[in-house]
Amino acid sequence: MREIYTYCEEDTQKLGEEIGKMAWSGMIILLKGDLGTGKTVLTRGIARGLGIEEPITSPTYTLMHQYYGRLSLYHFDIYRLSQPEELYDLDYEEFFYGQGVTVVEWPERMEDLGPDEYLSITIEKKLDHGRDERIIRIIPMGEIYEKLEKDLINI
């Protein structure tokens, strides 16, 4: 596990951008954190790292947005799923195991439909002495993701 601290939205987005620059086809990132912790901000950075210039917004009501850059980005926000099986209606496996990069906000709602290998990122917001601090915990699940975690050490 790697812990990274950010102190403003720009720092969180910059971390995402570095992850996006290192991303590969078929990469899956599962983002956890309470409302307002910066999951979409981090995703915006990942998109920038993939060369995507269009505005990135949370797909809360549509469940998934697709963007095109060096690799496609499939941005899922499954907060509003009433049951995990609704993912089948989105043909989620086509995206999860396809050629792009998949980012999923609220992955705990997938229950057992999630992938075996992925990069788990948890964002925790701390208001400490007036600073807007984020603790970002990166946990690789699978050998290829362990390499990415090691590459993030210099950030």
N, C-alpha and C. Protein backbone atom coordinates (compact mmCIF):
# COMPACT_ATOMS: atom_id res chain seq x y z
N MET A 1 0.85 -1.19 0.00
CA MET A 1 0.00 0.00 0.00
C MET A 1 0.89 1.24 0.00
N ARG A 2 0.44 2.22 -0.74
CA ARG A 2 1.15 3.51 -0.82
C ARG A 2 0.17 4.59 -0.38
N GLU A 3 0.62 5.48 0.50
CA GLU A 3 -0.19 6.63 0.92
C GLU A 3 0.41 7.89 0.34
N ILE A 4 -0.44 8.69 -0.28
CA ILE A 4 -0.03 9.96 -0.86
C ILE A 4 -0.94 11.03 -0.27
N TYR A 5 -0.37 12.15 0.13
CA TYR A 5 -1.14 13.26 0.69
C TYR A 5 -1.22 14.37 -0.35
N THR A 6 -2.42 14.89 -0.53
CA THR A 6 -2.60 16.06 -1.39
C THR A 6 -3.28 17.15 -0.56
N TYR A 7 -3.04 18.40 -0.95
CA TYR A 7 -3.50 19.52 -0.13
C TYR A 7 -4.40 20.49 -0.89
N CYS A 8 -4.69 20.17 -2.14
CA CYS A 8 -5.61 20.98 -2.93
C CYS A 8 -6.07 20.15 -4.12
N GLU A 9 -7.10 20.64 -4.78
CA GLU A 9 -7.66 19.94 -5.93
C GLU A 9 -6.61 19.72 -7.02
N GLU A 10 -5.75 20.71 -7.23
CA GLU A 10 -4.73 20.61 -8.27
C GLU A 10 -3.76 19.47 -7.98
N ASP A 11 -3.39 19.27 -6.70
CA ASP A 11 -2.49 18.16 -6.33
C ASP A 11 -3.14 16.81 -6.63
N THR A 12 -4.42 16.69 -6.28
CA THR A 12 -5.15 15.43 -6.52
C THR A 12 -5.24 15.17 -8.02
N GLN A 13 -5.53 16.21 -8.79
CA GLN A 13 -5.62 16.05 -10.24
C GLN A 13 -4.25 15.70 -10.82
N LYS A 14 -3.19 16.29 -10.30
CA LYS A 14 -1.84 15.98 -10.80
C LYS A 14 -1.48 14.52 -10.54
N LEU A 15 -1.84 13.98 -9.39
CA LEU A 15 -1.61 12.57 -9.12
C LEU A 15 -2.36 11.72 -10.15
N GLY A 16 -3.61 12.06 -10.40
CA GLY A 16 -4.39 11.34 -11.41
C GLY A 16 -3.74 11.41 -12.78
N GLU A 17 -3.19 12.57 -13.11
CA GLU A 17 -2.54 12.73 -14.41
C GLU A 17 -1.34 11.79 -14.54
N GLU A 18 -0.57 11.66 -13.47
CA GLU A 18 0.58 10.74 -13.49
C GLU A 18 0.11 9.30 -13.68
N ILE A 19 -0.97 8.93 -13.01
CA ILE A 19 -1.52 7.59 -13.18
C ILE A 19 -1.98 7.40 -14.63
N GLY A 20 -2.64 8.40 -15.19
CA GLY A 20 -3.10 8.33 -16.57
C GLY A 20 -1.96 8.18 -17.57
N LYS A 21 -0.84 8.84 -17.30
CA LYS A 21 0.32 8.73 -18.19
C LYS A 21 0.89 7.32 -18.18
N MET A 22 0.77 6.63 -17.04
CA MET A 22 1.30 5.27 -16.91
C MET A 22 0.27 4.20 -17.27
N ALA A 23 -0.96 4.60 -17.56
CA ALA A 23 -2.06 3.65 -17.79
C ALA A 23 -1.83 2.82 -19.05
N TRP A 24 -2.42 1.66 -19.04
CA TRP A 24 -2.33 0.74 -20.17
C TRP A 24 -3.71 0.22 -20.54
N SER A 25 -3.79 -0.35 -21.71
CA SER A 25 -5.03 -0.92 -22.21
C SER A 25 -5.49 -2.04 -21.29
N GLY A 26 -6.74 -1.97 -20.84
CA GLY A 26 -7.30 -2.98 -19.95
C GLY A 26 -7.14 -2.65 -18.47
N MET A 27 -6.56 -1.52 -18.16
CA MET A 27 -6.36 -1.14 -16.75
C MET A 27 -7.71 -0.85 -16.09
N ILE A 28 -7.84 -1.29 -14.84
CA ILE A 28 -9.07 -1.05 -14.07
C ILE A 28 -8.69 -0.38 -12.75
N ILE A 29 -9.35 0.75 -12.47
CA ILE A 29 -9.11 1.50 -11.25
C ILE A 29 -10.43 1.60 -10.49
N LEU A 30 -10.43 1.14 -9.25
CA LEU A 30 -11.61 1.21 -8.41
C LEU A 30 -11.40 2.30 -7.38
N LEU A 31 -12.25 3.33 -7.41
CA LEU A 31 -12.13 4.50 -6.53
C LEU A 31 -13.15 4.45 -5.41
N LYS A 32 -12.64 4.53 -4.19
CA LYS A 32 -13.51 4.53 -3.02
C LYS A 32 -13.32 5.83 -2.26
N GLY A 33 -14.38 6.26 -1.59
CA GLY A 33 -14.32 7.47 -0.78
C GLY A 33 -15.70 8.05 -0.62
N ASP A 34 -15.88 8.80 0.44
CA ASP A 34 -17.16 9.44 0.69
C ASP A 34 -17.47 10.48 -0.38
N LEU A 35 -18.71 10.95 -0.40
CA LEU A 35 -19.09 12.04 -1.31
C LEU A 35 -18.19 13.24 -1.07
N GLY A 36 -17.73 13.84 -2.15
CA GLY A 36 -16.95 15.06 -2.04
C GLY A 36 -15.49 14.88 -1.68
N THR A 37 -14.97 13.65 -1.73
CA THR A 37 -13.57 13.46 -1.36
C THR A 37 -12.61 13.72 -2.51
N GLY A 38 -13.11 13.71 -3.75
CA GLY A 38 -12.24 14.00 -4.88
C GLY A 38 -12.09 12.87 -5.88
N LYS A 39 -13.01 11.93 -5.89
CA LYS A 39 -12.92 10.81 -6.83
C LYS A 39 -12.99 11.31 -8.29
N THR A 40 -13.91 12.21 -8.56
CA THR A 40 -14.03 12.73 -9.93
C THR A 40 -12.85 13.64 -10.27
N VAL A 41 -12.32 14.35 -9.30
CA VAL A 41 -11.13 15.18 -9.53
C VAL A 41 -9.96 14.30 -9.93
N LEU A 42 -9.76 13.19 -9.22
CA LEU A 42 -8.70 12.26 -9.57
C LEU A 42 -8.93 11.69 -10.97
N THR A 43 -10.17 11.35 -11.27
CA THR A 43 -10.51 10.83 -12.61
C THR A 43 -10.22 11.88 -13.68
N ARG A 44 -10.50 13.13 -13.38
CA ARG A 44 -10.20 14.21 -14.33
C ARG A 44 -8.70 14.22 -14.64
N GLY A 45 -7.88 14.01 -13.63
CA GLY A 45 -6.44 13.95 -13.84
C GLY A 45 -6.03 12.74 -14.67
N ILE A 46 -6.63 11.59 -14.38
CA ILE A 46 -6.35 10.38 -15.17
C ILE A 46 -6.67 10.65 -16.64
N ALA A 47 -7.79 11.31 -16.89
CA ALA A 47 -8.17 11.65 -18.26
C ALA A 47 -7.12 12.55 -18.91
N ARG A 48 -6.64 13.54 -18.18
CA ARG A 48 -5.61 14.43 -18.74
C ARG A 48 -4.35 13.63 -19.10
N GLY A 49 -3.99 12.69 -18.22
CA GLY A 49 -2.83 11.85 -18.50
C GLY A 49 -3.01 10.96 -19.71
N LEU A 50 -4.25 10.70 -20.06
CA LEU A 50 -4.57 9.91 -21.26
C LEU A 50 -4.71 10.80 -22.49
N GLY A 51 -4.51 12.10 -22.32
CA GLY A 51 -4.63 13.02 -23.44
C GLY A 51 -6.04 13.44 -23.76
N ILE A 52 -6.95 13.27 -22.83
CA ILE A 52 -8.35 13.65 -23.03
C ILE A 52 -8.51 15.10 -22.59
N GLU A 53 -9.04 15.93 -23.48
CA GLU A 53 -9.14 17.35 -23.18
C GLU A 53 -10.55 17.82 -22.88
N GLU A 54 -11.55 17.01 -23.18
CA GLU A 54 -12.92 17.45 -22.93
C GLU A 54 -13.21 17.43 -21.43
N PRO A 55 -14.19 18.19 -20.99
CA PRO A 55 -14.53 18.24 -19.55
C PRO A 55 -14.97 16.87 -19.03
N ILE A 56 -14.49 16.53 -17.85
CA ILE A 56 -14.84 15.26 -17.21
C ILE A 56 -15.83 15.56 -16.10
N THR A 57 -16.99 14.94 -16.17
CA THR A 57 -18.02 15.13 -15.15
C THR A 57 -18.42 13.78 -14.58
N SER A 58 -18.98 13.80 -13.40
CA SER A 58 -19.41 12.57 -12.77
C SER A 58 -20.64 12.01 -13.49
N PRO A 59 -20.60 10.74 -13.84
CA PRO A 59 -21.75 10.13 -14.52
C PRO A 59 -22.78 9.57 -13.53
N THR A 60 -23.06 10.31 -12.48
CA THR A 60 -23.94 9.84 -11.42
C THR A 60 -25.29 9.36 -11.93
N TYR A 61 -25.88 10.09 -12.84
CA TYR A 61 -27.23 9.73 -13.31
C TYR A 61 -27.22 8.86 -14.56
N THR A 62 -26.14 8.89 -15.32
CA THR A 62 -26.06 8.07 -16.53
C THR A 62 -25.28 6.79 -16.29
N LEU A 63 -24.60 6.69 -15.18
CA LEU A 63 -23.80 5.55 -14.74
C LEU A 63 -22.46 5.41 -15.44
N MET A 64 -22.32 5.83 -16.71
CA MET A 64 -21.04 5.70 -17.39
C MET A 64 -20.88 6.76 -18.47
N HIS A 65 -19.69 7.35 -18.51
CA HIS A 65 -19.30 8.25 -19.60
C HIS A 65 -18.08 7.64 -20.28
N GLN A 66 -18.00 7.84 -21.57
CA GLN A 66 -16.86 7.37 -22.34
C GLN A 66 -16.16 8.56 -22.96
N TYR A 67 -14.82 8.56 -22.88
CA TYR A 67 -14.00 9.63 -23.41
C TYR A 67 -12.90 9.02 -24.27
N TYR A 68 -12.38 9.81 -25.23
CA TYR A 68 -11.39 9.29 -26.16
C TYR A 68 -10.10 10.09 -26.07
N GLY A 69 -8.99 9.37 -25.92
CA GLY A 69 -7.66 9.95 -25.89
C GLY A 69 -6.67 8.90 -26.38
N ARG A 70 -5.47 8.91 -25.82
CA ARG A 70 -4.47 7.89 -26.16
C ARG A 70 -5.09 6.50 -26.00
N LEU A 71 -5.86 6.34 -24.93
CA LEU A 71 -6.72 5.17 -24.71
C LEU A 71 -8.10 5.70 -24.35
N SER A 72 -9.12 4.92 -24.61
CA SER A 72 -10.46 5.33 -24.18
C SER A 72 -10.54 5.24 -22.66
N LEU A 73 -11.34 6.13 -22.08
CA LEU A 73 -11.60 6.12 -20.65
C LEU A 73 -13.07 5.82 -20.44
N TYR A 74 -13.36 4.79 -19.66
CA TYR A 74 -14.72 4.44 -19.30
C TYR A 74 -14.89 4.80 -17.83
N HIS A 75 -15.64 5.84 -17.57
CA HIS A 75 -15.81 6.37 -16.21
C HIS A 75 -17.19 5.98 -15.68
N PHE A 76 -17.20 5.04 -14.76
CA PHE A 76 -18.43 4.56 -14.15
C PHE A 76 -18.63 5.22 -12.78
N ASP A 77 -19.84 5.62 -12.49
CA ASP A 77 -20.24 6.03 -11.14
C ASP A 77 -21.48 5.21 -10.83
N ILE A 78 -21.32 4.20 -10.00
CA ILE A 78 -22.43 3.26 -9.80
C ILE A 78 -23.10 3.47 -8.44
N TYR A 79 -23.00 4.67 -7.92
CA TYR A 79 -23.61 5.00 -6.63
C TYR A 79 -25.11 4.72 -6.64
N ARG A 80 -25.76 5.00 -7.74
CA ARG A 80 -27.22 4.89 -7.81
C ARG A 80 -27.73 3.51 -8.25
N LEU A 81 -26.85 2.54 -8.39
CA LEU A 81 -27.33 1.19 -8.72
C LEU A 81 -28.18 0.66 -7.57
N SER A 82 -29.31 0.07 -7.90
CA SER A 82 -30.11 -0.52 -6.84
C SER A 82 -29.69 -1.96 -6.58
N GLN A 83 -29.11 -2.62 -7.60
CA GLN A 83 -28.57 -3.96 -7.41
C GLN A 83 -27.43 -4.18 -8.42
N PRO A 84 -26.41 -4.94 -8.04
CA PRO A 84 -25.24 -5.12 -8.90
C PRO A 84 -25.57 -5.66 -10.29
N GLU A 85 -26.60 -6.45 -10.42
CA GLU A 85 -26.93 -7.05 -11.71
C GLU A 85 -27.26 -6.01 -12.78
N GLU A 86 -27.58 -4.79 -12.36
CA GLU A 86 -27.86 -3.72 -13.33
C GLU A 86 -26.64 -3.43 -14.20
N LEU A 87 -25.45 -3.81 -13.74
CA LEU A 87 -24.25 -3.62 -14.54
C LEU A 87 -24.32 -4.41 -15.85
N TYR A 88 -25.02 -5.52 -15.84
CA TYR A 88 -25.16 -6.31 -17.08
C TYR A 88 -25.89 -5.51 -18.15
N ASP A 89 -26.82 -4.65 -17.75
CA ASP A 89 -27.54 -3.80 -18.72
C ASP A 89 -26.60 -2.82 -19.40
N LEU A 90 -25.48 -2.50 -18.75
CA LEU A 90 -24.49 -1.58 -19.32
C LEU A 90 -23.42 -2.32 -20.12
N ASP A 91 -23.53 -3.65 -20.21
CA ASP A 91 -22.48 -4.46 -20.84
C ASP A 91 -21.12 -4.13 -20.22
N TYR A 92 -21.11 -4.04 -18.91
CA TYR A 92 -19.92 -3.58 -18.20
C TYR A 92 -18.68 -4.42 -18.49
N GLU A 93 -18.84 -5.72 -18.72
CA GLU A 93 -17.68 -6.58 -18.97
C GLU A 93 -16.95 -6.18 -20.24
N GLU A 94 -17.69 -5.68 -21.24
CA GLU A 94 -17.08 -5.21 -22.48
C GLU A 94 -16.10 -4.07 -22.19
N PHE A 95 -16.46 -3.21 -21.25
CA PHE A 95 -15.61 -2.08 -20.89
C PHE A 95 -14.50 -2.50 -19.93
N PHE A 96 -14.85 -3.26 -18.90
CA PHE A 96 -13.88 -3.68 -17.90
C PHE A 96 -12.74 -4.48 -18.51
N TYR A 97 -13.07 -5.31 -19.48
CA TYR A 97 -12.07 -6.20 -20.04
C TYR A 97 -11.78 -5.87 -21.49
N GLY A 98 -11.98 -4.60 -21.85
CA GLY A 98 -11.75 -4.14 -23.21
C GLY A 98 -10.40 -3.48 -23.37
N GLN A 99 -10.35 -2.55 -24.30
CA GLN A 99 -9.09 -1.94 -24.71
C GLN A 99 -8.79 -0.60 -24.03
N GLY A 100 -9.71 -0.10 -23.23
CA GLY A 100 -9.50 1.20 -22.61
C GLY A 100 -9.10 1.09 -21.16
N VAL A 101 -9.24 2.21 -20.47
CA VAL A 101 -8.98 2.31 -19.04
C VAL A 101 -10.33 2.50 -18.36
N THR A 102 -10.63 1.68 -17.38
CA THR A 102 -11.91 1.75 -16.67
C THR A 102 -11.69 2.31 -15.28
N VAL A 103 -12.45 3.34 -14.94
CA VAL A 103 -12.45 3.91 -13.59
C VAL A 103 -13.85 3.75 -13.04
N VAL A 104 -13.95 3.17 -11.84
CA VAL A 104 -15.26 2.92 -11.21
C VAL A 104 -15.32 3.61 -9.87
N GLU A 105 -16.26 4.55 -9.74
CA GLU A 105 -16.54 5.16 -8.45
C GLU A 105 -17.61 4.32 -7.76
N TRP A 106 -17.47 4.12 -6.47
CA TRP A 106 -18.38 3.32 -5.64
C TRP A 106 -18.34 1.84 -6.01
N PRO A 107 -17.16 1.24 -6.15
CA PRO A 107 -17.06 -0.16 -6.57
C PRO A 107 -17.64 -1.15 -5.56
N GLU A 108 -17.81 -0.74 -4.33
CA GLU A 108 -18.40 -1.65 -3.34
C GLU A 108 -19.82 -2.06 -3.73
N ARG A 109 -20.46 -1.30 -4.60
CA ARG A 109 -21.82 -1.62 -5.06
C ARG A 109 -21.83 -2.75 -6.10
N MET A 110 -20.65 -3.13 -6.60
CA MET A 110 -20.56 -4.23 -7.57
C MET A 110 -20.67 -5.58 -6.88
N GLU A 111 -20.41 -5.60 -5.59
CA GLU A 111 -20.35 -6.84 -4.82
C GLU A 111 -19.38 -7.80 -5.49
N ASP A 112 -19.80 -8.98 -5.88
CA ASP A 112 -18.87 -9.98 -6.43
C ASP A 112 -18.72 -9.90 -7.96
N LEU A 113 -19.22 -8.87 -8.59
CA LEU A 113 -19.08 -8.71 -10.04
C LEU A 113 -17.79 -8.01 -10.43
N GLY A 114 -17.01 -7.59 -9.46
CA GLY A 114 -15.78 -6.85 -9.74
C GLY A 114 -14.67 -7.73 -10.29
N PRO A 115 -13.63 -7.09 -10.79
CA PRO A 115 -12.49 -7.82 -11.36
C PRO A 115 -11.62 -8.44 -10.27
N ASP A 116 -10.78 -9.37 -10.67
CA ASP A 116 -9.83 -9.99 -9.74
C ASP A 116 -8.59 -9.13 -9.56
N GLU A 117 -8.16 -8.46 -10.63
CA GLU A 117 -6.96 -7.62 -10.58
C GLU A 117 -7.35 -6.20 -10.93
N TYR A 118 -6.84 -5.24 -10.15
CA TYR A 118 -7.19 -3.84 -10.32
C TYR A 118 -6.32 -2.99 -9.41
N LEU A 119 -6.42 -1.69 -9.59
CA LEU A 119 -5.77 -0.74 -8.70
C LEU A 119 -6.86 -0.15 -7.81
N SER A 120 -6.75 -0.37 -6.52
CA SER A 120 -7.71 0.17 -5.57
C SER A 120 -7.18 1.50 -5.05
N ILE A 121 -7.99 2.53 -5.14
CA ILE A 121 -7.62 3.85 -4.62
C ILE A 121 -8.73 4.32 -3.69
N THR A 122 -8.35 4.61 -2.46
CA THR A 122 -9.29 5.14 -1.48
C THR A 122 -8.87 6.56 -1.14
N ILE A 123 -9.82 7.48 -1.18
CA ILE A 123 -9.54 8.88 -0.87
C ILE A 123 -10.28 9.24 0.41
N GLU A 124 -9.53 9.76 1.36
CA GLU A 124 -10.10 10.21 2.62
C GLU A 124 -9.82 11.70 2.78
N LYS A 125 -10.83 12.44 3.11
CA LYS A 125 -10.71 13.89 3.28
C LYS A 125 -10.51 14.20 4.76
N LYS A 126 -9.51 15.02 5.04
CA LYS A 126 -9.25 15.44 6.41
C LYS A 126 -9.17 16.96 6.45
N LEU A 127 -9.96 17.56 7.29
CA LEU A 127 -9.85 19.00 7.51
C LEU A 127 -9.02 19.17 8.77
N ASP A 128 -7.78 19.56 8.59
CA ASP A 128 -6.85 19.65 9.70
C ASP A 128 -6.23 21.05 9.73
N HIS A 129 -6.53 21.79 10.76
CA HIS A 129 -5.99 23.13 10.92
C HIS A 129 -6.26 24.01 9.70
N GLY A 130 -7.45 23.88 9.16
CA GLY A 130 -7.86 24.73 8.04
C GLY A 130 -7.36 24.27 6.68
N ARG A 131 -6.58 23.20 6.64
CA ARG A 131 -6.08 22.69 5.36
C ARG A 131 -7.04 21.65 4.82
N ASP A 132 -7.17 21.63 3.52
CA ASP A 132 -8.07 20.69 2.84
C ASP A 132 -7.24 19.49 2.38
N GLU A 133 -6.86 18.64 3.31
CA GLU A 133 -5.95 17.54 3.05
C GLU A 133 -6.70 16.29 2.61
N ARG A 134 -6.08 15.54 1.68
CA ARG A 134 -6.59 14.25 1.24
C ARG A 134 -5.51 13.21 1.52
N ILE A 135 -5.94 12.07 2.03
CA ILE A 135 -5.05 10.92 2.14
C ILE A 135 -5.51 9.95 1.07
N ILE A 136 -4.63 9.65 0.15
CA ILE A 136 -4.95 8.78 -0.98
C ILE A 136 -4.16 7.49 -0.81
N ARG A 137 -4.90 6.41 -0.59
CA ARG A 137 -4.28 5.10 -0.37
C ARG A 137 -4.41 4.27 -1.65
N ILE A 138 -3.27 3.83 -2.13
CA ILE A 138 -3.22 3.06 -3.38
C ILE A 138 -2.81 1.64 -3.04
N ILE A 139 -3.68 0.70 -3.37
CA ILE A 139 -3.43 -0.71 -3.09
C ILE A 139 -3.50 -1.49 -4.40
N PRO A 140 -2.39 -2.07 -4.83
CA PRO A 140 -2.41 -2.87 -6.06
C PRO A 140 -2.97 -4.26 -5.80
N MET A 141 -3.84 -4.70 -6.66
CA MET A 141 -4.39 -6.05 -6.59
C MET A 141 -3.99 -6.76 -7.87
N GLY A 142 -2.85 -7.41 -7.85
CA GLY A 142 -2.33 -8.10 -9.02
C GLY A 142 -0.93 -7.60 -9.35
N GLU A 143 -0.15 -8.45 -9.96
CA GLU A 143 1.26 -8.19 -10.20
C GLU A 143 1.52 -6.94 -11.05
N ILE A 144 0.76 -6.77 -12.11
CA ILE A 144 0.99 -5.61 -12.98
C ILE A 144 0.70 -4.29 -12.24
N TYR A 145 -0.26 -4.33 -11.33
CA TYR A 145 -0.60 -3.13 -10.56
C TYR A 145 0.45 -2.86 -9.48
N GLU A 146 1.14 -3.89 -9.02
CA GLU A 146 2.23 -3.70 -8.06
C GLU A 146 3.35 -2.90 -8.68
N LYS A 147 3.62 -3.14 -9.96
CA LYS A 147 4.65 -2.36 -10.66
C LYS A 147 4.25 -0.89 -10.73
N LEU A 148 3.00 -0.62 -11.02
CA LEU A 148 2.53 0.76 -11.09
C LEU A 148 2.70 1.44 -9.74
N GLU A 149 2.33 0.76 -8.66
CA GLU A 149 2.49 1.33 -7.33
C GLU A 149 3.94 1.72 -7.07
N LYS A 150 4.87 0.86 -7.46
CA LYS A 150 6.30 1.16 -7.28
C LYS A 150 6.72 2.36 -8.12
N ASP A 151 6.16 2.48 -9.32
CA ASP A 151 6.48 3.62 -10.17
C ASP A 151 5.96 4.95 -9.62
N LEU A 152 4.94 4.88 -8.76
CA LEU A 152 4.38 6.10 -8.15
C LEU A 152 5.19 6.61 -6.97
N ILE A 153 6.21 5.89 -6.56
CA ILE A 153 6.99 6.27 -5.37
C ILE A 153 7.60 7.66 -5.53
N ASN A 154 7.98 8.02 -6.73
CA ASN A 154 8.65 9.30 -6.93
C ASN A 154 7.70 10.48 -7.04
N ILE A 155 6.43 10.25 -6.92
CA ILE A 155 5.46 11.35 -7.03
C ILE A 155 5.29 12.02 -5.69
